[in-house]
Amino acid sequence: MAHFPQERGHAGGCIIQEATDILLDINTANNNLHISEDLKIVSRSDISQNRPETPERFQDYCQVISRQSFSSGRHYWEVDVRKSEGWNVGMCYPSIARRGEQSWIGNNNKSWCLYRYNNQCYVGHDSKVIRLPVNVSSNRVGIYLDYEAGRLSFYDLCVPIRHLHTFTATFTSEPLHAALWVGGGSIKICGKRSNQEV
């Protein structure tokens, strides 16, 4: 069982029986992203995948979102970032732009993210960026969503687990999707774990 530190203002903990099983939506994947057959691994590629251009597909950034959407409840998922030096993980509304600067995860009011660039970690929302005083020291990042409470938290899954940042918002307008950007290498959505405590 993983014991997640309680950030200030969060009264008590809750038990998540298992991590949410996230699958990537290939119909949203930028054409320079390769998606594994099990829809769990996203890799940056120099070769275009030549998928059809659709309104759902990200055009200008190497991003993809999940098939699943969340409009209520508490959800937890993990990503393995050991094979990517530059990455962005978070959540977004499906109405996020698919072209232009406003389509970058965290660069609009429709997405929230944790990202690493040039070996520094940042969080971003609505074009506002905060540089974190610490870097991710482990190979995994945990993301915890409490939709009704309006909380989206990020954790470094080192030992002991370390809370990195929590966004607070009012999630009422749309369901949320997991969102990923890959600057190089690959990111893997991890398999289910049991008895997560956050």
N, C-alpha and C. Protein backbone atom coordinates (compact mmCIF):
# COMPACT_ATOMS: atom_id res chain seq x y z
N MET A 1 0.84 -1.19 0.00
CA MET A 1 0.00 0.00 0.00
C MET A 1 0.87 1.24 0.00
N ALA A 2 0.59 2.17 -0.87
CA ALA A 2 1.36 3.40 -0.95
C ALA A 2 0.73 4.46 -0.06
N HIS A 3 1.53 5.08 0.78
CA HIS A 3 1.04 6.12 1.68
C HIS A 3 1.38 7.48 1.08
N PHE A 4 0.37 8.18 0.59
CA PHE A 4 0.59 9.47 -0.04
C PHE A 4 0.60 10.56 1.02
N PRO A 5 1.58 11.46 0.97
CA PRO A 5 1.60 12.56 1.93
C PRO A 5 0.39 13.45 1.74
N GLN A 6 -0.14 13.97 2.85
CA GLN A 6 -1.29 14.84 2.78
C GLN A 6 -0.84 16.28 2.66
N GLU A 7 -1.16 16.92 1.55
CA GLU A 7 -0.79 18.32 1.40
C GLU A 7 -1.66 19.19 2.29
N ARG A 8 -1.19 20.37 2.59
CA ARG A 8 -1.88 21.27 3.50
C ARG A 8 -3.29 21.56 3.00
N GLY A 9 -4.23 21.49 3.92
CA GLY A 9 -5.62 21.80 3.57
C GLY A 9 -6.41 20.60 3.12
N HIS A 10 -5.78 19.42 3.03
CA HIS A 10 -6.47 18.21 2.61
C HIS A 10 -6.76 17.40 3.86
N ALA A 11 -8.00 17.36 4.27
CA ALA A 11 -8.36 16.70 5.51
C ALA A 11 -8.52 15.20 5.29
N GLY A 12 -7.64 14.43 5.91
CA GLY A 12 -7.76 12.99 5.86
C GLY A 12 -7.36 12.40 4.54
N GLY A 13 -7.32 11.05 4.47
CA GLY A 13 -6.97 10.36 3.25
C GLY A 13 -8.13 9.51 2.78
N CYS A 14 -8.04 8.99 1.59
CA CYS A 14 -9.06 8.09 1.09
C CYS A 14 -8.35 6.95 0.36
N ILE A 15 -8.99 5.82 0.34
CA ILE A 15 -8.38 4.63 -0.25
C ILE A 15 -8.86 4.46 -1.69
N ILE A 16 -7.93 4.37 -2.61
CA ILE A 16 -8.23 4.04 -4.00
C ILE A 16 -7.89 2.56 -4.18
N GLN A 17 -8.89 1.73 -4.44
CA GLN A 17 -8.66 0.30 -4.47
C GLN A 17 -7.70 -0.12 -5.58
N GLU A 18 -7.77 0.55 -6.72
CA GLU A 18 -6.84 0.23 -7.80
C GLU A 18 -6.69 1.43 -8.71
N ALA A 19 -5.56 1.47 -9.41
CA ALA A 19 -5.34 2.55 -10.35
C ALA A 19 -6.31 2.43 -11.53
N THR A 20 -6.77 3.56 -12.00
CA THR A 20 -7.65 3.58 -13.15
C THR A 20 -6.91 3.06 -14.38
N ASP A 21 -7.58 2.21 -15.15
CA ASP A 21 -6.97 1.62 -16.34
C ASP A 21 -7.12 2.60 -17.50
N ILE A 22 -6.04 3.32 -17.81
CA ILE A 22 -6.06 4.34 -18.85
C ILE A 22 -5.60 3.76 -20.18
N LEU A 23 -6.35 4.04 -21.24
CA LEU A 23 -5.97 3.67 -22.60
C LEU A 23 -5.90 4.94 -23.44
N LEU A 24 -4.92 5.01 -24.33
CA LEU A 24 -4.74 6.19 -25.16
C LEU A 24 -5.66 6.14 -26.38
N ASP A 25 -6.13 7.30 -26.78
CA ASP A 25 -7.02 7.42 -27.93
C ASP A 25 -6.19 7.75 -29.16
N ILE A 26 -5.95 6.75 -29.99
CA ILE A 26 -5.09 6.93 -31.16
C ILE A 26 -5.68 7.95 -32.13
N ASN A 27 -6.99 8.17 -32.07
CA ASN A 27 -7.63 9.14 -32.96
C ASN A 27 -7.26 10.58 -32.62
N THR A 28 -6.67 10.79 -31.43
CA THR A 28 -6.23 12.14 -31.04
C THR A 28 -4.73 12.32 -31.16
N ALA A 29 -3.99 11.23 -31.42
CA ALA A 29 -2.52 11.26 -31.38
C ALA A 29 -1.93 12.02 -32.56
N ASN A 30 -1.01 12.93 -32.25
CA ASN A 30 -0.24 13.61 -33.28
C ASN A 30 0.46 12.58 -34.17
N ASN A 31 0.65 12.90 -35.44
CA ASN A 31 1.21 11.93 -36.38
C ASN A 31 2.68 11.62 -36.15
N ASN A 32 3.35 12.34 -35.27
CA ASN A 32 4.72 11.98 -34.92
C ASN A 32 4.78 11.20 -33.61
N LEU A 33 3.65 10.62 -33.23
CA LEU A 33 3.60 9.75 -32.06
C LEU A 33 3.24 8.34 -32.50
N HIS A 34 3.99 7.38 -31.99
CA HIS A 34 3.65 5.97 -32.19
C HIS A 34 2.97 5.47 -30.93
N ILE A 35 1.82 4.83 -31.09
CA ILE A 35 1.06 4.29 -29.96
C ILE A 35 1.15 2.77 -30.01
N SER A 36 1.51 2.16 -28.90
CA SER A 36 1.64 0.70 -28.84
C SER A 36 0.29 0.01 -29.03
N GLU A 37 0.35 -1.27 -29.39
CA GLU A 37 -0.89 -2.02 -29.65
C GLU A 37 -1.81 -2.07 -28.44
N ASP A 38 -1.22 -2.10 -27.24
CA ASP A 38 -2.05 -2.16 -26.04
C ASP A 38 -2.52 -0.79 -25.58
N LEU A 39 -2.17 0.26 -26.36
CA LEU A 39 -2.60 1.64 -26.11
C LEU A 39 -2.08 2.18 -24.78
N LYS A 40 -0.90 1.68 -24.36
CA LYS A 40 -0.31 2.08 -23.07
C LYS A 40 0.98 2.87 -23.21
N ILE A 41 1.67 2.74 -24.34
CA ILE A 41 2.98 3.38 -24.53
C ILE A 41 2.90 4.35 -25.70
N VAL A 42 3.37 5.57 -25.46
CA VAL A 42 3.41 6.58 -26.52
C VAL A 42 4.87 6.96 -26.73
N SER A 43 5.32 6.92 -27.98
CA SER A 43 6.72 7.18 -28.33
C SER A 43 6.81 8.27 -29.39
N ARG A 44 7.81 9.14 -29.22
CA ARG A 44 8.08 10.17 -30.22
C ARG A 44 8.75 9.52 -31.42
N SER A 45 8.33 9.87 -32.62
CA SER A 45 8.87 9.28 -33.83
C SER A 45 9.21 10.37 -34.83
N ASP A 46 10.32 10.19 -35.55
CA ASP A 46 10.69 11.11 -36.63
C ASP A 46 9.95 10.78 -37.92
N ILE A 47 9.26 9.66 -37.92
CA ILE A 47 8.53 9.22 -39.11
C ILE A 47 7.04 9.44 -38.88
N SER A 48 6.39 10.16 -39.79
CA SER A 48 4.96 10.39 -39.66
C SER A 48 4.20 9.08 -39.74
N GLN A 49 3.19 8.95 -38.89
CA GLN A 49 2.37 7.74 -38.89
C GLN A 49 1.27 7.79 -39.96
N ASN A 50 1.15 8.93 -40.63
CA ASN A 50 0.21 9.09 -41.75
C ASN A 50 -1.22 8.69 -41.40
N ARG A 51 -1.64 9.06 -40.22
CA ARG A 51 -3.04 8.84 -39.87
C ARG A 51 -3.88 9.94 -40.52
N PRO A 52 -5.15 9.69 -40.74
CA PRO A 52 -5.99 10.72 -41.38
C PRO A 52 -6.12 11.96 -40.50
N GLU A 53 -6.17 13.11 -41.13
CA GLU A 53 -6.36 14.35 -40.40
C GLU A 53 -7.83 14.48 -40.01
N THR A 54 -8.07 14.58 -38.73
CA THR A 54 -9.43 14.70 -38.20
C THR A 54 -9.48 15.85 -37.21
N PRO A 55 -10.68 16.35 -36.88
CA PRO A 55 -10.78 17.44 -35.90
C PRO A 55 -10.26 17.07 -34.53
N GLU A 56 -10.21 15.78 -34.21
CA GLU A 56 -9.77 15.34 -32.89
C GLU A 56 -8.25 15.26 -32.75
N ARG A 57 -7.53 15.21 -33.86
CA ARG A 57 -6.09 14.94 -33.83
C ARG A 57 -5.28 16.21 -33.52
N PHE A 58 -4.32 16.08 -32.58
CA PHE A 58 -3.40 17.18 -32.30
C PHE A 58 -2.47 17.37 -33.50
N GLN A 59 -2.35 18.60 -33.95
CA GLN A 59 -1.60 18.88 -35.17
C GLN A 59 -0.20 19.44 -34.91
N ASP A 60 -0.05 20.29 -33.90
CA ASP A 60 1.19 21.04 -33.75
C ASP A 60 2.09 20.57 -32.62
N TYR A 61 1.56 19.76 -31.71
CA TYR A 61 2.36 19.24 -30.60
C TYR A 61 2.19 17.73 -30.51
N CYS A 62 3.25 17.06 -30.04
CA CYS A 62 3.23 15.60 -29.96
C CYS A 62 2.47 15.17 -28.72
N GLN A 63 1.15 15.27 -28.82
CA GLN A 63 0.26 15.02 -27.70
C GLN A 63 -0.78 13.97 -28.04
N VAL A 64 -1.35 13.38 -26.98
CA VAL A 64 -2.43 12.41 -27.12
C VAL A 64 -3.24 12.46 -25.82
N ILE A 65 -4.53 12.17 -25.90
CA ILE A 65 -5.34 12.09 -24.70
C ILE A 65 -5.95 10.70 -24.57
N SER A 66 -6.56 10.45 -23.44
CA SER A 66 -7.09 9.12 -23.14
C SER A 66 -8.46 8.90 -23.77
N ARG A 67 -8.78 7.62 -23.97
CA ARG A 67 -10.13 7.25 -24.39
C ARG A 67 -11.13 7.56 -23.27
N GLN A 68 -10.71 7.25 -22.06
CA GLN A 68 -11.58 7.44 -20.92
C GLN A 68 -11.76 8.91 -20.58
N SER A 69 -12.93 9.24 -20.07
CA SER A 69 -13.17 10.58 -19.54
C SER A 69 -13.78 10.43 -18.16
N PHE A 70 -13.57 11.46 -17.33
CA PHE A 70 -14.00 11.40 -15.94
C PHE A 70 -14.82 12.65 -15.62
N SER A 71 -16.07 12.44 -15.23
CA SER A 71 -16.95 13.56 -14.90
C SER A 71 -17.45 13.50 -13.47
N SER A 72 -16.89 12.57 -12.69
CA SER A 72 -17.22 12.46 -11.27
C SER A 72 -16.23 11.52 -10.62
N GLY A 73 -16.21 11.54 -9.30
CA GLY A 73 -15.46 10.54 -8.55
C GLY A 73 -13.98 10.87 -8.37
N ARG A 74 -13.28 9.88 -7.77
CA ARG A 74 -11.85 9.97 -7.52
C ARG A 74 -11.13 8.96 -8.40
N HIS A 75 -10.04 9.39 -9.02
CA HIS A 75 -9.31 8.54 -9.95
C HIS A 75 -7.81 8.74 -9.77
N TYR A 76 -7.07 7.65 -9.96
CA TYR A 76 -5.63 7.69 -9.79
C TYR A 76 -4.98 6.91 -10.92
N TRP A 77 -3.89 7.46 -11.49
CA TRP A 77 -3.15 6.73 -12.51
C TRP A 77 -1.69 7.10 -12.43
N GLU A 78 -0.85 6.29 -13.07
CA GLU A 78 0.60 6.48 -13.02
C GLU A 78 1.20 6.42 -14.41
N VAL A 79 2.31 7.14 -14.58
CA VAL A 79 3.07 7.06 -15.82
C VAL A 79 4.53 6.79 -15.49
N ASP A 80 5.15 5.98 -16.31
CA ASP A 80 6.58 5.69 -16.20
C ASP A 80 7.30 6.59 -17.19
N VAL A 81 8.15 7.48 -16.68
CA VAL A 81 8.80 8.50 -17.52
C VAL A 81 10.29 8.25 -17.70
N ARG A 82 10.76 7.08 -17.32
CA ARG A 82 12.21 6.83 -17.32
C ARG A 82 12.84 6.89 -18.71
N LYS A 83 12.04 6.68 -19.76
CA LYS A 83 12.59 6.65 -21.12
C LYS A 83 12.37 7.96 -21.87
N SER A 84 12.03 9.02 -21.14
CA SER A 84 11.84 10.32 -21.78
C SER A 84 12.42 11.41 -20.89
N GLU A 85 13.28 12.25 -21.47
CA GLU A 85 13.84 13.37 -20.73
C GLU A 85 12.88 14.57 -20.70
N GLY A 86 12.08 14.70 -21.76
CA GLY A 86 11.12 15.79 -21.84
C GLY A 86 9.72 15.24 -21.96
N TRP A 87 8.86 15.56 -21.00
CA TRP A 87 7.51 15.00 -21.00
C TRP A 87 6.54 15.96 -20.32
N ASN A 88 5.26 15.72 -20.55
CA ASN A 88 4.19 16.52 -19.98
C ASN A 88 3.03 15.58 -19.69
N VAL A 89 2.56 15.56 -18.44
CA VAL A 89 1.44 14.70 -18.06
C VAL A 89 0.41 15.53 -17.33
N GLY A 90 -0.86 15.24 -17.56
CA GLY A 90 -1.89 15.99 -16.88
C GLY A 90 -3.27 15.58 -17.33
N MET A 91 -4.18 16.54 -17.29
CA MET A 91 -5.56 16.28 -17.69
C MET A 91 -6.08 17.49 -18.46
N CYS A 92 -7.08 17.22 -19.31
CA CYS A 92 -7.66 18.30 -20.11
C CYS A 92 -9.11 18.01 -20.42
N TYR A 93 -9.83 19.07 -20.78
CA TYR A 93 -11.17 18.93 -21.31
C TYR A 93 -11.08 18.54 -22.79
N PRO A 94 -12.07 17.82 -23.32
CA PRO A 94 -12.02 17.43 -24.74
C PRO A 94 -12.11 18.61 -25.69
N SER A 95 -12.55 19.76 -25.21
CA SER A 95 -12.66 20.93 -26.08
C SER A 95 -11.34 21.69 -26.22
N ILE A 96 -10.24 21.15 -25.67
CA ILE A 96 -8.93 21.78 -25.86
C ILE A 96 -8.64 21.93 -27.35
N ALA A 97 -8.02 23.03 -27.73
CA ALA A 97 -7.69 23.25 -29.14
C ALA A 97 -6.76 22.15 -29.65
N ARG A 98 -6.81 21.86 -30.92
CA ARG A 98 -5.95 20.83 -31.52
C ARG A 98 -4.89 21.44 -32.42
N ARG A 99 -4.90 22.75 -32.59
CA ARG A 99 -3.90 23.45 -33.38
C ARG A 99 -3.44 24.71 -32.64
N GLY A 100 -2.22 25.14 -32.93
CA GLY A 100 -1.73 26.40 -32.41
C GLY A 100 -1.23 26.33 -30.98
N GLU A 101 -0.73 27.46 -30.48
CA GLU A 101 -0.13 27.51 -29.15
C GLU A 101 -1.12 27.15 -28.06
N GLN A 102 -2.40 27.46 -28.28
CA GLN A 102 -3.41 27.15 -27.26
C GLN A 102 -3.69 25.66 -27.14
N SER A 103 -3.13 24.85 -28.03
CA SER A 103 -3.34 23.41 -27.93
C SER A 103 -2.33 22.72 -27.03
N TRP A 104 -1.27 23.45 -26.63
CA TRP A 104 -0.25 22.88 -25.73
C TRP A 104 -0.88 22.63 -24.36
N ILE A 105 -0.68 21.44 -23.81
CA ILE A 105 -1.25 21.09 -22.51
C ILE A 105 -0.68 22.02 -21.44
N GLY A 106 -1.59 22.72 -20.73
CA GLY A 106 -1.19 23.67 -19.71
C GLY A 106 -1.16 25.11 -20.18
N ASN A 107 -1.26 25.32 -21.50
CA ASN A 107 -1.17 26.66 -22.07
C ASN A 107 -2.54 27.25 -22.36
N ASN A 108 -3.55 26.80 -21.64
CA ASN A 108 -4.93 27.24 -21.84
C ASN A 108 -5.72 26.96 -20.57
N ASN A 109 -6.96 27.41 -20.52
CA ASN A 109 -7.77 27.20 -19.32
C ASN A 109 -8.54 25.89 -19.36
N LYS A 110 -8.16 25.02 -20.30
CA LYS A 110 -8.82 23.73 -20.44
C LYS A 110 -7.91 22.55 -20.07
N SER A 111 -6.74 22.84 -19.49
CA SER A 111 -5.81 21.76 -19.16
C SER A 111 -4.91 22.15 -17.99
N TRP A 112 -4.42 21.11 -17.30
CA TRP A 112 -3.55 21.25 -16.13
C TRP A 112 -2.44 20.22 -16.29
N CYS A 113 -1.19 20.59 -15.97
CA CYS A 113 -0.11 19.64 -16.25
C CYS A 113 1.09 19.80 -15.32
N LEU A 114 1.85 18.72 -15.29
CA LEU A 114 3.20 18.69 -14.73
C LEU A 114 4.11 18.34 -15.89
N TYR A 115 5.20 19.11 -16.08
CA TYR A 115 6.10 18.75 -17.17
C TYR A 115 7.56 18.93 -16.79
N ARG A 116 8.40 18.18 -17.50
CA ARG A 116 9.84 18.30 -17.32
C ARG A 116 10.47 18.73 -18.64
N TYR A 117 11.34 19.74 -18.53
CA TYR A 117 12.03 20.27 -19.71
C TYR A 117 13.40 20.75 -19.24
N ASN A 118 14.43 20.36 -19.98
CA ASN A 118 15.81 20.71 -19.61
C ASN A 118 16.12 20.36 -18.15
N ASN A 119 15.63 19.18 -17.74
CA ASN A 119 15.89 18.64 -16.41
C ASN A 119 15.34 19.50 -15.28
N GLN A 120 14.31 20.29 -15.59
CA GLN A 120 13.60 21.06 -14.57
C GLN A 120 12.12 20.71 -14.65
N CYS A 121 11.44 20.75 -13.50
CA CYS A 121 10.01 20.43 -13.47
C CYS A 121 9.17 21.67 -13.25
N TYR A 122 8.04 21.71 -13.93
CA TYR A 122 7.13 22.84 -13.88
C TYR A 122 5.70 22.31 -13.81
N VAL A 123 4.79 23.16 -13.35
CA VAL A 123 3.37 22.90 -13.48
C VAL A 123 2.77 24.07 -14.25
N GLY A 124 1.72 23.78 -15.02
CA GLY A 124 1.14 24.82 -15.84
C GLY A 124 -0.37 24.70 -15.98
N HIS A 125 -1.03 25.87 -16.03
CA HIS A 125 -2.46 25.96 -16.31
C HIS A 125 -2.77 27.37 -16.78
N ASP A 126 -3.56 27.48 -17.83
CA ASP A 126 -4.02 28.77 -18.34
C ASP A 126 -2.85 29.72 -18.64
N SER A 127 -1.80 29.17 -19.24
CA SER A 127 -0.59 29.90 -19.64
C SER A 127 0.24 30.40 -18.46
N LYS A 128 -0.10 29.97 -17.24
CA LYS A 128 0.67 30.33 -16.06
C LYS A 128 1.55 29.15 -15.67
N VAL A 129 2.87 29.40 -15.57
CA VAL A 129 3.83 28.33 -15.31
C VAL A 129 4.52 28.58 -13.97
N ILE A 130 4.65 27.53 -13.18
CA ILE A 130 5.37 27.60 -11.91
C ILE A 130 6.50 26.58 -11.96
N ARG A 131 7.72 27.05 -11.72
CA ARG A 131 8.85 26.14 -11.64
C ARG A 131 8.88 25.52 -10.25
N LEU A 132 8.92 24.21 -10.18
CA LEU A 132 8.94 23.53 -8.90
C LEU A 132 10.35 23.55 -8.31
N PRO A 133 10.46 23.62 -6.99
CA PRO A 133 11.79 23.64 -6.37
C PRO A 133 12.49 22.30 -6.40
N VAL A 134 11.76 21.24 -6.75
CA VAL A 134 12.34 19.90 -6.80
C VAL A 134 12.09 19.28 -8.17
N ASN A 135 12.92 18.31 -8.52
CA ASN A 135 12.74 17.57 -9.75
C ASN A 135 12.11 16.22 -9.41
N VAL A 136 11.61 15.52 -10.41
CA VAL A 136 11.12 14.16 -10.20
C VAL A 136 12.32 13.25 -10.09
N SER A 137 12.47 12.61 -8.95
CA SER A 137 13.66 11.81 -8.68
C SER A 137 13.47 10.33 -8.97
N SER A 138 12.23 9.91 -9.19
CA SER A 138 11.96 8.50 -9.47
C SER A 138 11.63 8.32 -10.94
N ASN A 139 11.25 7.12 -11.30
CA ASN A 139 10.87 6.82 -12.68
C ASN A 139 9.39 6.98 -12.94
N ARG A 140 8.61 7.21 -11.86
CA ARG A 140 7.16 7.24 -12.01
C ARG A 140 6.55 8.50 -11.42
N VAL A 141 5.48 8.93 -12.06
CA VAL A 141 4.68 10.05 -11.56
C VAL A 141 3.26 9.54 -11.33
N GLY A 142 2.69 9.91 -10.20
CA GLY A 142 1.31 9.56 -9.88
C GLY A 142 0.42 10.78 -10.04
N ILE A 143 -0.77 10.59 -10.61
CA ILE A 143 -1.73 11.67 -10.81
C ILE A 143 -3.03 11.27 -10.14
N TYR A 144 -3.56 12.15 -9.28
CA TYR A 144 -4.77 11.86 -8.52
C TYR A 144 -5.80 12.95 -8.75
N LEU A 145 -6.98 12.55 -9.20
CA LEU A 145 -8.07 13.48 -9.47
C LEU A 145 -9.22 13.22 -8.50
N ASP A 146 -9.66 14.29 -7.83
CA ASP A 146 -10.92 14.26 -7.07
C ASP A 146 -11.83 15.27 -7.75
N TYR A 147 -12.72 14.79 -8.59
CA TYR A 147 -13.50 15.67 -9.46
C TYR A 147 -14.40 16.60 -8.65
N GLU A 148 -15.16 16.04 -7.72
CA GLU A 148 -16.09 16.87 -6.95
C GLU A 148 -15.37 17.89 -6.08
N ALA A 149 -14.24 17.50 -5.51
CA ALA A 149 -13.49 18.42 -4.65
C ALA A 149 -12.69 19.44 -5.46
N GLY A 150 -12.57 19.21 -6.77
CA GLY A 150 -11.83 20.13 -7.62
C GLY A 150 -10.35 20.12 -7.34
N ARG A 151 -9.79 18.92 -7.21
CA ARG A 151 -8.37 18.79 -6.89
C ARG A 151 -7.70 17.85 -7.89
N LEU A 152 -6.56 18.30 -8.43
CA LEU A 152 -5.73 17.48 -9.30
C LEU A 152 -4.31 17.53 -8.74
N SER A 153 -3.82 16.39 -8.26
CA SER A 153 -2.53 16.33 -7.56
C SER A 153 -1.53 15.47 -8.31
N PHE A 154 -0.25 15.86 -8.18
CA PHE A 154 0.85 15.13 -8.80
C PHE A 154 1.82 14.69 -7.72
N TYR A 155 2.34 13.46 -7.87
CA TYR A 155 3.25 12.88 -6.89
C TYR A 155 4.46 12.28 -7.58
N ASP A 156 5.61 12.44 -6.94
CA ASP A 156 6.83 11.73 -7.32
C ASP A 156 6.82 10.41 -6.55
N LEU A 157 6.79 9.29 -7.26
CA LEU A 157 6.65 7.99 -6.60
C LEU A 157 8.00 7.44 -6.15
N CYS A 158 8.76 8.30 -5.46
CA CYS A 158 10.00 7.89 -4.84
C CYS A 158 9.66 7.30 -3.47
N VAL A 159 10.68 6.97 -2.68
CA VAL A 159 10.45 6.45 -1.33
C VAL A 159 11.10 7.39 -0.33
N PRO A 160 10.31 8.05 0.53
CA PRO A 160 8.84 8.02 0.55
C PRO A 160 8.25 8.83 -0.59
N ILE A 161 6.99 8.57 -0.90
CA ILE A 161 6.29 9.29 -1.96
C ILE A 161 6.23 10.77 -1.60
N ARG A 162 6.44 11.62 -2.61
CA ARG A 162 6.51 13.06 -2.38
C ARG A 162 5.45 13.79 -3.18
N HIS A 163 4.67 14.61 -2.49
CA HIS A 163 3.68 15.46 -3.16
C HIS A 163 4.40 16.58 -3.89
N LEU A 164 4.07 16.79 -5.16
CA LEU A 164 4.71 17.82 -5.97
C LEU A 164 3.87 19.08 -6.08
N HIS A 165 2.59 18.91 -6.39
CA HIS A 165 1.74 20.09 -6.60
C HIS A 165 0.28 19.64 -6.65
N THR A 166 -0.62 20.52 -6.21
CA THR A 166 -2.06 20.30 -6.36
C THR A 166 -2.70 21.54 -6.97
N PHE A 167 -3.44 21.32 -8.06
CA PHE A 167 -4.27 22.36 -8.63
C PHE A 167 -5.65 22.28 -7.98
N THR A 168 -6.27 23.42 -7.76
CA THR A 168 -7.66 23.46 -7.33
C THR A 168 -8.47 24.19 -8.38
N ALA A 169 -9.62 23.64 -8.70
CA ALA A 169 -10.46 24.19 -9.75
C ALA A 169 -11.89 23.73 -9.52
N THR A 170 -12.81 24.25 -10.30
CA THR A 170 -14.19 23.79 -10.28
C THR A 170 -14.43 23.03 -11.57
N PHE A 171 -14.42 21.71 -11.48
CA PHE A 171 -14.60 20.87 -12.66
C PHE A 171 -16.09 20.63 -12.86
N THR A 172 -16.71 21.45 -13.67
CA THR A 172 -18.15 21.30 -13.88
C THR A 172 -18.57 21.34 -15.34
N SER A 173 -17.74 21.94 -16.19
CA SER A 173 -18.20 22.19 -17.56
C SER A 173 -18.10 20.96 -18.46
N GLU A 174 -17.08 20.14 -18.27
CA GLU A 174 -16.86 19.01 -19.17
C GLU A 174 -16.18 17.87 -18.40
N PRO A 175 -16.21 16.66 -18.96
CA PRO A 175 -15.41 15.58 -18.39
C PRO A 175 -13.93 15.83 -18.65
N LEU A 176 -13.07 15.19 -17.88
CA LEU A 176 -11.62 15.33 -18.03
C LEU A 176 -11.02 14.07 -18.64
N HIS A 177 -10.01 14.28 -19.47
CA HIS A 177 -9.24 13.18 -20.06
C HIS A 177 -7.79 13.27 -19.58
N ALA A 178 -7.14 12.12 -19.41
CA ALA A 178 -5.69 12.12 -19.20
C ALA A 178 -5.03 12.64 -20.47
N ALA A 179 -3.93 13.40 -20.31
CA ALA A 179 -3.25 14.01 -21.46
C ALA A 179 -1.75 13.85 -21.33
N LEU A 180 -1.07 13.56 -22.46
CA LEU A 180 0.37 13.33 -22.46
C LEU A 180 1.02 14.07 -23.63
N TRP A 181 2.22 14.60 -23.38
CA TRP A 181 3.08 15.13 -24.44
C TRP A 181 4.43 14.44 -24.29
N VAL A 182 5.05 14.09 -25.42
CA VAL A 182 6.36 13.44 -25.40
C VAL A 182 7.35 14.29 -26.18
N GLY A 183 8.39 14.77 -25.49
CA GLY A 183 9.41 15.56 -26.15
C GLY A 183 10.48 14.71 -26.81
N GLY A 184 10.61 13.47 -26.36
CA GLY A 184 11.57 12.52 -26.90
C GLY A 184 11.46 11.22 -26.15
N GLY A 185 11.83 10.13 -26.80
CA GLY A 185 11.72 8.82 -26.14
C GLY A 185 10.27 8.39 -26.02
N SER A 186 9.93 7.80 -24.87
CA SER A 186 8.57 7.27 -24.70
C SER A 186 8.10 7.39 -23.26
N ILE A 187 6.80 7.36 -23.10
CA ILE A 187 6.13 7.36 -21.80
C ILE A 187 5.20 6.15 -21.77
N LYS A 188 5.16 5.51 -20.62
CA LYS A 188 4.31 4.32 -20.47
C LYS A 188 3.30 4.54 -19.36
N ILE A 189 2.05 4.25 -19.66
CA ILE A 189 1.02 4.24 -18.61
C ILE A 189 1.14 2.92 -17.87
N CYS A 190 1.31 3.00 -16.57
CA CYS A 190 1.60 1.82 -15.78
C CYS A 190 0.35 0.98 -15.54
N GLY A 191 0.58 -0.30 -15.26
CA GLY A 191 -0.51 -1.21 -14.97
C GLY A 191 -1.14 -0.91 -13.63
N LYS A 192 -2.21 -1.61 -13.37
CA LYS A 192 -2.96 -1.38 -12.14
C LYS A 192 -2.14 -1.80 -10.92
N ARG A 193 -2.34 -1.04 -9.85
CA ARG A 193 -1.81 -1.42 -8.55
C ARG A 193 -2.97 -1.49 -7.57
N SER A 194 -2.81 -2.23 -6.51
CA SER A 194 -3.91 -2.37 -5.56
C SER A 194 -3.68 -1.49 -4.35
N ASN A 195 -4.79 -1.11 -3.70
CA ASN A 195 -4.78 -0.42 -2.41
C ASN A 195 -3.92 0.83 -2.39
N GLN A 196 -4.18 1.73 -3.31
CA GLN A 196 -3.49 3.02 -3.28
C GLN A 196 -4.15 3.90 -2.23
N GLU A 197 -3.36 4.53 -1.41
CA GLU A 197 -3.90 5.46 -0.42
C GLU A 197 -3.46 6.86 -0.75
N VAL A 198 -4.42 7.77 -0.90
CA VAL A 198 -4.07 9.14 -1.19
C VAL A 198 -4.78 10.08 -0.23
